[in-house]
PDB file of N, CA and C in Angstrom:
ATOM      1  N   MET A   1      14.225  -6.141  22.278  1.00  0.00           N
ATOM      2  CA  MET A   1      14.912  -5.263  21.365  1.00  0.00           C
ATOM      3  C   MET A   1      15.332  -6.088  20.142  1.00  0.00           C
ATOM      4  N   PRO A   2      14.988  -5.602  18.941  1.00  0.00           N
ATOM      5  CA  PRO A   2      15.337  -6.374  17.749  1.00  0.00           C
ATOM      6  C   PRO A   2      16.836  -6.371  17.486  1.00  0.00           C
ATOM      7  N   ARG A   3      17.296  -7.416  16.831  1.00  0.00           N
ATOM      8  CA  ARG A   3      18.718  -7.517  16.506  1.00  0.00           C
ATOM      9  C   ARG A   3      19.036  -6.584  15.348  1.00  0.00           C
ATOM     10  N   PRO A   4      20.232  -5.994  15.339  1.00  0.00           N
ATOM     11  CA  PRO A   4      20.594  -5.106  14.224  1.00  0.00           C
ATOM     12  C   PRO A   4      20.834  -5.908  12.944  1.00  0.00           C
ATOM     13  N   ASN A   5      20.506  -5.289  11.819  1.00  0.00           N
ATOM     14  CA  ASN A   5      20.732  -5.973  10.545  1.00  0.00           C
ATOM     15  C   ASN A   5      22.174  -5.725  10.081  1.00  0.00           C
ATOM     16  N   PRO A   6      22.637  -6.406   9.063  1.00  0.00           N
ATOM     17  CA  PRO A   6      24.031  -6.256   8.614  1.00  0.00           C
ATOM     18  C   PRO A   6      24.406  -4.835   8.204  1.00  0.00           C
ATOM     19  N   ALA A   7      23.463  -4.096   7.616  1.00  0.00           N
ATOM     20  CA  ALA A   7      23.772  -2.719   7.222  1.00  0.00           C
ATOM     21  C   ALA A   7      24.038  -1.849   8.448  1.00  0.00           C
ATOM     22  N   GLN A   8      23.255  -2.031   9.488  1.00  0.00           N
ATOM     23  CA  GLN A   8      23.466  -1.258  10.707  1.00  0.00           C
ATOM     24  C   GLN A   8      24.813  -1.595  11.339  1.00  0.00           C
ATOM     25  N   LEU A   9      25.173  -2.868  11.339  1.00  0.00           N
ATOM     26  CA  LEU A   9      26.477  -3.261  11.881  1.00  0.00           C
ATOM     27  C   LEU A   9      27.620  -2.671  11.057  1.00  0.00           C
ATOM     28  N   ALA A  10      27.464  -2.679   9.750  1.00  0.00           N
ATOM     29  CA  ALA A  10      28.512  -2.141   8.879  1.00  0.00           C
ATOM     30  C   ALA A  10      28.658  -0.635   9.061  1.00  0.00           C
ATOM     31  N   TYR A  11      27.546   0.088   9.093  1.00  0.00           N
ATOM     32  CA  TYR A  11      27.599   1.542   9.282  1.00  0.00           C
ATOM     33  C   TYR A  11      28.222   1.897  10.630  1.00  0.00           C
ATOM     34  N   GLY A  12      27.812   1.202  11.673  1.00  0.00           N
ATOM     35  CA  GLY A  12      28.342   1.479  13.003  1.00  0.00           C
ATOM     36  C   GLY A  12      29.826   1.172  13.115  1.00  0.00           C
ATOM     37  N   SER A  13      30.237   0.036  12.556  1.00  0.00           N
ATOM     38  CA  SER A  13      31.657  -0.340  12.618  1.00  0.00           C
ATOM     39  C   SER A  13      32.531   0.627  11.831  1.00  0.00           C
ATOM     40  N   ALA A  14      32.075   0.986  10.638  1.00  0.00           N
ATOM     41  CA  ALA A  14      32.842   1.936   9.823  1.00  0.00           C
ATOM     42  C   ALA A  14      32.933   3.288  10.509  1.00  0.00           C
ATOM     43  N   THR A  15      31.857   3.702  11.164  1.00  0.00           N
ATOM     44  CA  THR A  15      31.875   4.979  11.878  1.00  0.00           C
ATOM     45  C   THR A  15      32.864   4.951  13.029  1.00  0.00           C
ATOM     46  N   VAL A  16      32.904   3.848  13.771  1.00  0.00           N
ATOM     47  CA  VAL A  16      33.839   3.743  14.900  1.00  0.00           C
ATOM     48  C   VAL A  16      35.277   3.835  14.404  1.00  0.00           C
ATOM     49  N   ILE A  17      35.593   3.077  13.385  1.00  0.00           N
ATOM     50  CA  ILE A  17      36.983   3.040  12.897  1.00  0.00           C
ATOM     51  C   ILE A  17      37.397   4.387  12.315  1.00  0.00           C
ATOM     52  N   LEU A  18      36.571   4.927  11.420  1.00  0.00           N
ATOM     53  CA  LEU A  18      36.945   6.181  10.760  1.00  0.00           C
ATOM     54  C   LEU A  18      36.949   7.375  11.715  1.00  0.00           C
ATOM     55  N   SER A  19      35.969   7.427  12.613  1.00  0.00           N
ATOM     56  CA  SER A  19      35.949   8.555  13.543  1.00  0.00           C
ATOM     57  C   SER A  19      37.093   8.465  14.552  1.00  0.00           C
ATOM     58  N   ALA A  20      37.455   7.253  14.979  1.00  0.00           N
ATOM     59  CA  ALA A  20      38.580   7.107  15.901  1.00  0.00           C
ATOM     60  C   ALA A  20      39.886   7.545  15.232  1.00  0.00           C
ATOM     61  N   LEU A  21      40.093   7.118  13.989  1.00  0.00           N
ATOM     62  CA  LEU A  21      41.301   7.550  13.276  1.00  0.00           C
ATOM     63  C   LEU A  21      41.334   9.062  13.084  1.00  0.00           C
ATOM     64  N   ALA A  22      40.209   9.624  12.681  1.00  0.00           N
ATOM     65  CA  ALA A  22      40.161  11.072  12.453  1.00  0.00           C
ATOM     66  C   ALA A  22      40.411  11.847  13.747  1.00  0.00           C
ATOM     67  N   MET A  23      39.765  11.426  14.828  1.00  0.00           N
ATOM     68  CA  MET A  23      39.953  12.144  16.097  1.00  0.00           C
ATOM     69  C   MET A  23      41.373  11.992  16.629  1.00  0.00           C
ATOM     70  N   LEU A  24      41.971  10.822  16.448  1.00  0.00           N
ATOM     71  CA  LEU A  24      43.354  10.633  16.901  1.00  0.00           C
ATOM     72  C   LEU A  24      44.319  11.492  16.085  1.00  0.00           C
ATOM     73  N   LEU A  25      44.079  11.599  14.784  1.00  0.00           N
ATOM     74  CA  LEU A  25      44.938  12.440  13.958  1.00  0.00           C
ATOM     75  C   LEU A  25      44.766  13.923  14.274  1.00  0.00           C
ATOM     76  N   VAL A  26      43.535  14.346  14.500  1.00  0.00           N
ATOM     77  CA  VAL A  26      43.278  15.766  14.773  1.00  0.00           C
ATOM     78  C   VAL A  26      43.764  16.156  16.162  1.00  0.00           C
ATOM     79  N   SER A  27      43.482  15.319  17.154  1.00  0.00           N
ATOM     80  CA  SER A  27      43.830  15.686  18.529  1.00  0.00           C
ATOM     81  C   SER A  27      45.291  15.404  18.871  1.00  0.00           C
ATOM     82  N   GLN A  28      45.925  14.527  18.115  1.00  0.00           N
ATOM     83  CA  GLN A  28      47.291  14.105  18.378  1.00  0.00           C
ATOM     84  C   GLN A  28      47.462  13.628  19.822  1.00  0.00           C
ATOM     85  N   ALA A  29      46.484  12.861  20.284  1.00  0.00           N
ATOM     86  CA  ALA A  29      46.513  12.342  21.654  1.00  0.00           C
ATOM     87  C   ALA A  29      47.629  11.315  21.790  1.00  0.00           C
ATOM     88  N   ARG A  30      48.434  11.477  22.836  1.00  0.00           N
ATOM     89  CA  ARG A  30      49.536  10.548  23.071  1.00  0.00           C
ATOM     90  C   ARG A  30      49.416   9.862  24.434  1.00  0.00           C
ATOM     91  N   SER A  31      48.631  10.439  25.325  1.00  0.00           N
ATOM     92  CA  SER A  31      48.492   9.834  26.654  1.00  0.00           C
ATOM     93  C   SER A  31      47.406   8.766  26.628  1.00  0.00           C
ATOM     94  N   GLY A  32      47.442   7.897  27.598  1.00  0.00           N
ATOM     95  CA  GLY A  32      46.438   6.842  27.697  1.00  0.00           C
ATOM     96  C   GLY A  32      45.049   7.393  27.930  1.00  0.00           C
ATOM     97  N   ALA A  33      44.962   8.462  28.730  1.00  0.00           N
ATOM     98  CA  ALA A  33      43.654   9.057  29.005  1.00  0.00           C
ATOM     99  C   ALA A  33      43.066   9.691  27.742  1.00  0.00           C
ATOM    100  N   GLY A  34      43.905  10.355  26.962  1.00  0.00           N
ATOM    101  CA  GLY A  34      43.431  10.979  25.728  1.00  0.00           C
ATOM    102  C   GLY A  34      42.940   9.953  24.723  1.00  0.00           C
ATOM    103  N   ILE A  35      43.664   8.855  24.617  1.00  0.00           N
ATOM    104  CA  ILE A  35      43.260   7.790  23.699  1.00  0.00           C
ATOM    105  C   ILE A  35      41.972   7.136  24.176  1.00  0.00           C
ATOM    106  N   ALA A  36      41.824   6.987  25.488  1.00  0.00           N
ATOM    107  CA  ALA A  36      40.596   6.403  26.041  1.00  0.00           C
ATOM    108  C   ALA A  36      39.389   7.299  25.768  1.00  0.00           C
ATOM    109  N   VAL A  37      39.572   8.611  25.863  1.00  0.00           N
ATOM    110  CA  VAL A  37      38.479   9.552  25.580  1.00  0.00           C
ATOM    111  C   VAL A  37      38.095   9.469  24.110  1.00  0.00           C
ATOM    112  N   VAL A  38      39.087   9.431  23.225  1.00  0.00           N
ATOM    113  CA  VAL A  38      38.814   9.340  21.787  1.00  0.00           C
ATOM    114  C   VAL A  38      38.118   8.026  21.466  1.00  0.00           C
ATOM    115  N   ALA A  39      38.570   6.933  22.042  1.00  0.00           N
ATOM    116  CA  ALA A  39      37.940   5.632  21.792  1.00  0.00           C
ATOM    117  C   ALA A  39      36.507   5.601  22.302  1.00  0.00           C
ATOM    118  N   SER A  40      36.265   6.181  23.467  1.00  0.00           N
ATOM    119  CA  SER A  40      34.904   6.231  24.012  1.00  0.00           C
ATOM    120  C   SER A  40      33.988   7.069  23.132  1.00  0.00           C
ATOM    121  N   ALA A  41      34.487   8.201  22.672  1.00  0.00           N
ATOM    122  CA  ALA A  41      33.685   9.058  21.795  1.00  0.00           C
ATOM    123  C   ALA A  41      33.391   8.350  20.474  1.00  0.00           C
ATOM    124  N   ALA A  42      34.380   7.632  19.925  1.00  0.00           N
ATOM    125  CA  ALA A  42      34.168   6.906  18.668  1.00  0.00           C
ATOM    126  C   ALA A  42      33.140   5.791  18.845  1.00  0.00           C
ATOM    127  N   LEU A  43      33.201   5.080  19.969  1.00  0.00           N
ATOM    128  CA  LEU A  43      32.213   4.030  20.222  1.00  0.00           C
ATOM    129  C   LEU A  43      30.808   4.593  20.379  1.00  0.00           C
ATOM    130  N   ALA A  44      30.693   5.714  21.083  1.00  0.00           N
ATOM    131  CA  ALA A  44      29.379   6.346  21.260  1.00  0.00           C
ATOM    132  C   ALA A  44      28.828   6.816  19.913  1.00  0.00           C
ATOM    133  N   LEU A  45      29.675   7.402  19.084  1.00  0.00           N
ATOM    134  CA  LEU A  45      29.238   7.861  17.773  1.00  0.00           C
ATOM    135  C   LEU A  45      28.841   6.679  16.886  1.00  0.00           C
ATOM    136  N   GLY A  46      29.599   5.593  16.937  1.00  0.00           N
ATOM    137  CA  GLY A  46      29.254   4.395  16.166  1.00  0.00           C
ATOM    138  C   GLY A  46      27.940   3.785  16.606  1.00  0.00           C
ATOM    139  N   LEU A  47      27.691   3.776  17.894  1.00  0.00           N
ATOM    140  CA  LEU A  47      26.425   3.265  18.408  1.00  0.00           C
ATOM    141  C   LEU A  47      25.264   4.134  17.948  1.00  0.00           C
ATOM    142  N   LEU A  48      25.451   5.435  17.985  1.00  0.00           N
ATOM    143  CA  LEU A  48      24.406   6.354  17.536  1.00  0.00           C
ATOM    144  C   LEU A  48      24.091   6.138  16.058  1.00  0.00           C
ATOM    145  N   VAL A  49      25.123   6.000  15.235  1.00  0.00           N
ATOM    146  CA  VAL A  49      24.908   5.786  13.801  1.00  0.00           C
ATOM    147  C   VAL A  49      24.218   4.449  13.555  1.00  0.00           C
ATOM    148  N   ALA A  50      24.613   3.413  14.263  1.00  0.00           N
ATOM    149  CA  ALA A  50      24.006   2.093  14.074  1.00  0.00           C
ATOM    150  C   ALA A  50      22.532   2.102  14.474  1.00  0.00           C
ATOM    151  N   VAL A  51      22.198   2.818  15.510  1.00  0.00           N
ATOM    152  CA  VAL A  51      20.807   2.872  15.957  1.00  0.00           C
ATOM    153  C   VAL A  51      19.959   3.706  15.007  1.00  0.00           C
ATOM    154  N   ARG A  52      20.532   4.789  14.497  1.00  0.00           N
ATOM    155  CA  ARG A  52      19.780   5.685  13.621  1.00  0.00           C
ATOM    156  C   ARG A  52      19.716   5.211  12.168  1.00  0.00           C
ATOM    157  N   ALA A  53      20.532   4.233  11.788  1.00  0.00           N
ATOM    158  CA  ALA A  53      20.504   3.703  10.418  1.00  0.00           C
ATOM    159  C   ALA A  53      19.165   3.016  10.193  1.00  0.00           C
ATOM    160  N   PRO A  54      18.650   3.095   8.979  1.00  0.00           N
ATOM    161  CA  PRO A  54      17.357   2.460   8.726  1.00  0.00           C
ATOM    162  C   PRO A  54      17.425   0.963   8.932  1.00  0.00           C
ATOM    163  N   GLY A  55      16.497   0.463   9.688  1.00  0.00           N
ATOM    164  CA  GLY A  55      16.468  -0.971   9.964  1.00  0.00           C
ATOM    165  C   GLY A  55      15.337  -1.638   9.225  1.00  0.00           C
ATOM    166  N   ARG A  56      15.084  -2.861   9.593  1.00  0.00           N
ATOM    167  CA  ARG A  56      13.981  -3.598   8.986  1.00  0.00           C
ATOM    168  C   ARG A  56      12.660  -3.069   9.506  1.00  0.00           C
ATOM    169  N   ARG A  57      11.661  -3.155   8.655  1.00  0.00           N
ATOM    170  CA  ARG A  57      10.301  -2.833   9.097  1.00  0.00           C
ATOM    171  C   ARG A  57       9.670  -4.096   9.663  1.00  0.00           C
ATOM    172  N   PRO A  58       8.814  -3.929  10.638  1.00  0.00           N
ATOM    173  CA  PRO A  58       8.086  -5.102  11.111  1.00  0.00           C
ATOM    174  C   PRO A  58       7.269  -5.697   9.967  1.00  0.00           C
ATOM    175  N   SER A  59       7.086  -7.009   9.962  1.00  0.00           N
ATOM    176  CA  SER A  59       6.418  -7.671   8.853  1.00  0.00           C
ATOM    177  C   SER A  59       4.982  -7.184   8.673  1.00  0.00           C
ATOM    178  N   GLY A  60       4.338  -6.728   9.719  1.00  0.00           N
ATOM    179  CA  GLY A  60       2.964  -6.253   9.611  1.00  0.00           C
ATOM    180  C   GLY A  60       2.859  -4.842   9.076  1.00  0.00           C
ATOM    181  N   ALA A  61       3.935  -4.075   9.129  1.00  0.00           N
ATOM    182  CA  ALA A  61       3.883  -2.694   8.677  1.00  0.00           C
ATOM    183  C   ALA A  61       4.233  -2.618   7.205  1.00  0.00           C
ATOM    184  N   SER A  62       3.343  -2.061   6.442  1.00  0.00           N
ATOM    185  CA  SER A  62       3.609  -1.879   5.023  1.00  0.00           C
ATOM    186  C   SER A  62       3.140  -0.497   4.619  1.00  0.00           C
ATOM    187  N   ARG A  63       3.665  -0.034   3.527  1.00  0.00           N
ATOM    188  CA  ARG A  63       3.269   1.278   3.029  1.00  0.00           C
ATOM    189  C   ARG A  63       1.921   1.160   2.338  1.00  0.00           C
ATOM    190  N   PRO A  64       1.053   2.150   2.536  1.00  0.00           N
ATOM    191  CA  PRO A  64      -0.242   2.088   1.863  1.00  0.00           C
ATOM    192  C   PRO A  64      -0.077   2.306   0.357  1.00  0.00           C
ATOM    193  N   VAL A  65      -0.904   1.620  -0.393  1.00  0.00           N
ATOM    194  CA  VAL A  65      -0.873   1.749  -1.847  1.00  0.00           C
ATOM    195  C   VAL A  65      -1.660   2.997  -2.226  1.00  0.00           C
ATOM    196  N   ALA A  66      -1.116   3.791  -3.155  1.00  0.00           N
ATOM    197  CA  ALA A  66      -1.809   5.004  -3.581  1.00  0.00           C
ATOM    198  C   ALA A  66      -3.141   4.632  -4.212  1.00  0.00           C
ATOM    199  N   GLY A  67      -4.180   5.306  -3.772  1.00  0.00           N
ATOM    200  CA  GLY A  67      -5.507   5.050  -4.311  1.00  0.00           C
ATOM    201  C   GLY A  67      -6.252   3.953  -3.595  1.00  0.00           C
ATOM    202  N   ALA A  68      -5.651   3.359  -2.559  1.00  0.00           N
ATOM    203  CA  ALA A  68      -6.314   2.279  -1.847  1.00  0.00           C
ATOM    204  C   ALA A  68      -7.412   2.813  -0.929  1.00  0.00           C
ATOM    205  N   VAL A  69      -7.248   4.009  -0.446  1.00  0.00           N
ATOM    206  CA  VAL A  69      -8.224   4.629   0.433  1.00  0.00           C
ATOM    207  C   VAL A  69      -9.165   5.462  -0.436  1.00  0.00           C
ATOM    208  N   PRO A  70     -10.488   5.360  -0.255  1.00  0.00           N
ATOM    209  CA  PRO A  70     -11.417   6.103  -1.118  1.00  0.00           C
ATOM    210  C   PRO A  70     -11.150   7.614  -1.158  1.00  0.00           C
ATOM    211  N   ALA A  71     -10.745   8.207  -0.030  1.00  0.00           N
ATOM    212  CA  ALA A  71     -10.489   9.649  -0.030  1.00  0.00           C
ATOM    213  C   ALA A  71      -9.308   9.982  -0.928  1.00  0.00           C
ATOM    214  N   GLN A  72      -8.289   9.121  -0.940  1.00  0.00           N
ATOM    215  CA  GLN A  72      -7.144   9.354  -1.820  1.00  0.00           C
ATOM    216  C   GLN A  72      -7.549   9.167  -3.275  1.00  0.00           C
ATOM    217  N   ARG A  73      -8.378   8.174  -3.539  1.00  0.00           N
ATOM    218  CA  ARG A  73      -8.785   7.899  -4.902  1.00  0.00           C
ATOM    219  C   ARG A  73      -9.556   9.091  -5.466  1.00  0.00           C
ATOM    220  N   ASP A  74     -10.439   9.684  -4.648  1.00  0.00           N
ATOM    221  CA  ASP A  74     -11.203  10.834  -5.108  1.00  0.00           C
ATOM    222  C   ASP A  74     -10.311  12.040  -5.346  1.00  0.00           C
ATOM    223  N   ALA A  75      -9.266  12.195  -4.525  1.00  0.00           N
ATOM    224  CA  ALA A  75      -8.377  13.343  -4.686  1.00  0.00           C
ATOM    225  C   ALA A  75      -7.487  13.186  -5.913  1.00  0.00           C
ATOM    226  N   GLU A  76      -7.115  11.950  -6.244  1.00  0.00           N
ATOM    227  CA  GLU A  76      -6.207  11.737  -7.358  1.00  0.00           C
ATOM    228  C   GLU A  76      -6.929  11.728  -8.700  1.00  0.00           C
ATOM    229  N   THR A  77      -8.095  11.143  -8.747  1.00  0.00           N
ATOM    230  CA  THR A  77      -8.828  11.084 -10.005  1.00  0.00           C
ATOM    231  C   THR A  77     -10.112  11.874  -9.834  1.00  0.00           C
ATOM    232  N   ALA A  78     -10.305  12.803 -10.691  1.00  0.00           N
ATOM    233  CA  ALA A  78     -11.521  13.604 -10.672  1.00  0.00           C
ATOM    234  C   ALA A  78     -11.950  13.818 -12.121  1.00  0.00           C
ATOM    235  N   ASP A  79     -13.148  14.339 -12.312  1.00  0.00           N
ATOM    236  CA  ASP A  79     -13.643  14.667 -13.638  1.00  0.00           C
ATOM    237  C   ASP A  79     -13.779  13.404 -14.491  1.00  0.00           C
ATOM    238  N   GLY A  80     -14.528  12.429 -13.963  1.00  0.00           N
ATOM    239  CA  GLY A  80     -14.807  11.232 -14.741  1.00  0.00           C
ATOM    240  C   GLY A  80     -13.681  10.222 -14.786  1.00  0.00           C
ATOM    241  N   GLY A  81     -12.763  10.238 -13.860  1.00  0.00           N
ATOM    242  CA  GLY A  81     -11.714   9.241 -13.812  1.00  0.00           C
ATOM    243  C   GLY A  81     -10.421   9.663 -14.480  1.00  0.00           C
ATOM    244  N   ARG A  82     -10.387  10.813 -15.128  1.00  0.00           N
ATOM    245  CA  ARG A  82      -9.124  11.275 -15.716  1.00  0.00           C
ATOM    246  C   ARG A  82      -8.234  11.820 -14.623  1.00  0.00           C
ATOM    247  N   ARG A  83      -6.941  11.616 -14.769  1.00  0.00           N
ATOM    248  CA  ARG A  83      -5.990  12.140 -13.777  1.00  0.00           C
ATOM    249  C   ARG A  83      -5.852  13.625 -13.957  1.00  0.00           C
ATOM    250  N   LEU A  84      -5.733  14.315 -12.831  1.00  0.00           N
ATOM    251  CA  LEU A  84      -5.506  15.747 -12.864  1.00  0.00           C
ATOM    252  C   LEU A  84      -4.057  16.026 -13.223  1.00  0.00           C
ATOM    253  N   ALA A  85      -3.820  17.095 -13.903  1.00  0.00           N
ATOM    254  CA  ALA A  85      -2.462  17.481 -14.263  1.00  0.00           C
ATOM    255  C   ALA A  85      -1.719  17.905 -13.004  1.00  0.00           C
ATOM    256  N   GLU A  86      -0.494  17.412 -12.861  1.00  0.00           N
ATOM    257  CA  GLU A  86       0.308  17.754 -11.696  1.00  0.00           C
ATOM    258  C   GLU A  86       1.352  18.769 -12.114  1.00  0.00           C
ATOM    259  N   THR A  87       1.505  19.794 -11.301  1.00  0.00           N
ATOM    260  CA  THR A  87       2.538  20.781 -11.587  1.00  0.00           C
ATOM    261  C   THR A  87       3.832  20.333 -10.947  1.00  0.00           C
ATOM    262  N   SER A  88       4.922  20.628 -11.595  1.00  0.00           N
ATOM    263  CA  SER A  88       6.225  20.229 -11.104  1.00  0.00           C
ATOM    264  C   SER A  88       6.972  21.440 -10.569  1.00  0.00           C
ATOM    265  N   SER A  89       7.701  21.242  -9.469  1.00  0.00           N
ATOM    266  CA  SER A  89       8.503  22.325  -8.921  1.00  0.00           C
ATOM    267  C   SER A  89       9.860  22.408  -9.615  1.00  0.00           C
ATOM    268  N   ARG A  90      10.187  21.393 -10.401  1.00  0.00           N
ATOM    269  CA  ARG A  90      11.472  21.394 -11.125  1.00  0.00           C
ATOM    270  C   ARG A  90      11.268  21.991 -12.510  1.00  0.00           C
ATOM    271  N   ARG A  91      12.243  22.664 -12.988  1.00  0.00           N
ATOM    272  CA  ARG A  91      12.188  23.245 -14.337  1.00  0.00           C
ATOM    273  C   ARG A  91      13.444  22.961 -15.077  1.00  0.00           C
TER     274      ARG A  91
END
């Protein structure tokens, strides 16, 4: 299992602290059992956020360059090498 990067540690830690404070304020837990439940839920949520945060890519995995594959090149440039006009969904 790869080690978490600093961003994942920061996101997870911030989630644990902020969610624990928020849940304690909302629930107004005063008993030991209530505080233990809130702390457990905050830790689980922090772990989930840390795991789901974007991590490093393996060194062998890279994004393909546009036009590197012949099928993509043919789709992007047609009619003698001129680029086709792209329509925009934004106005």
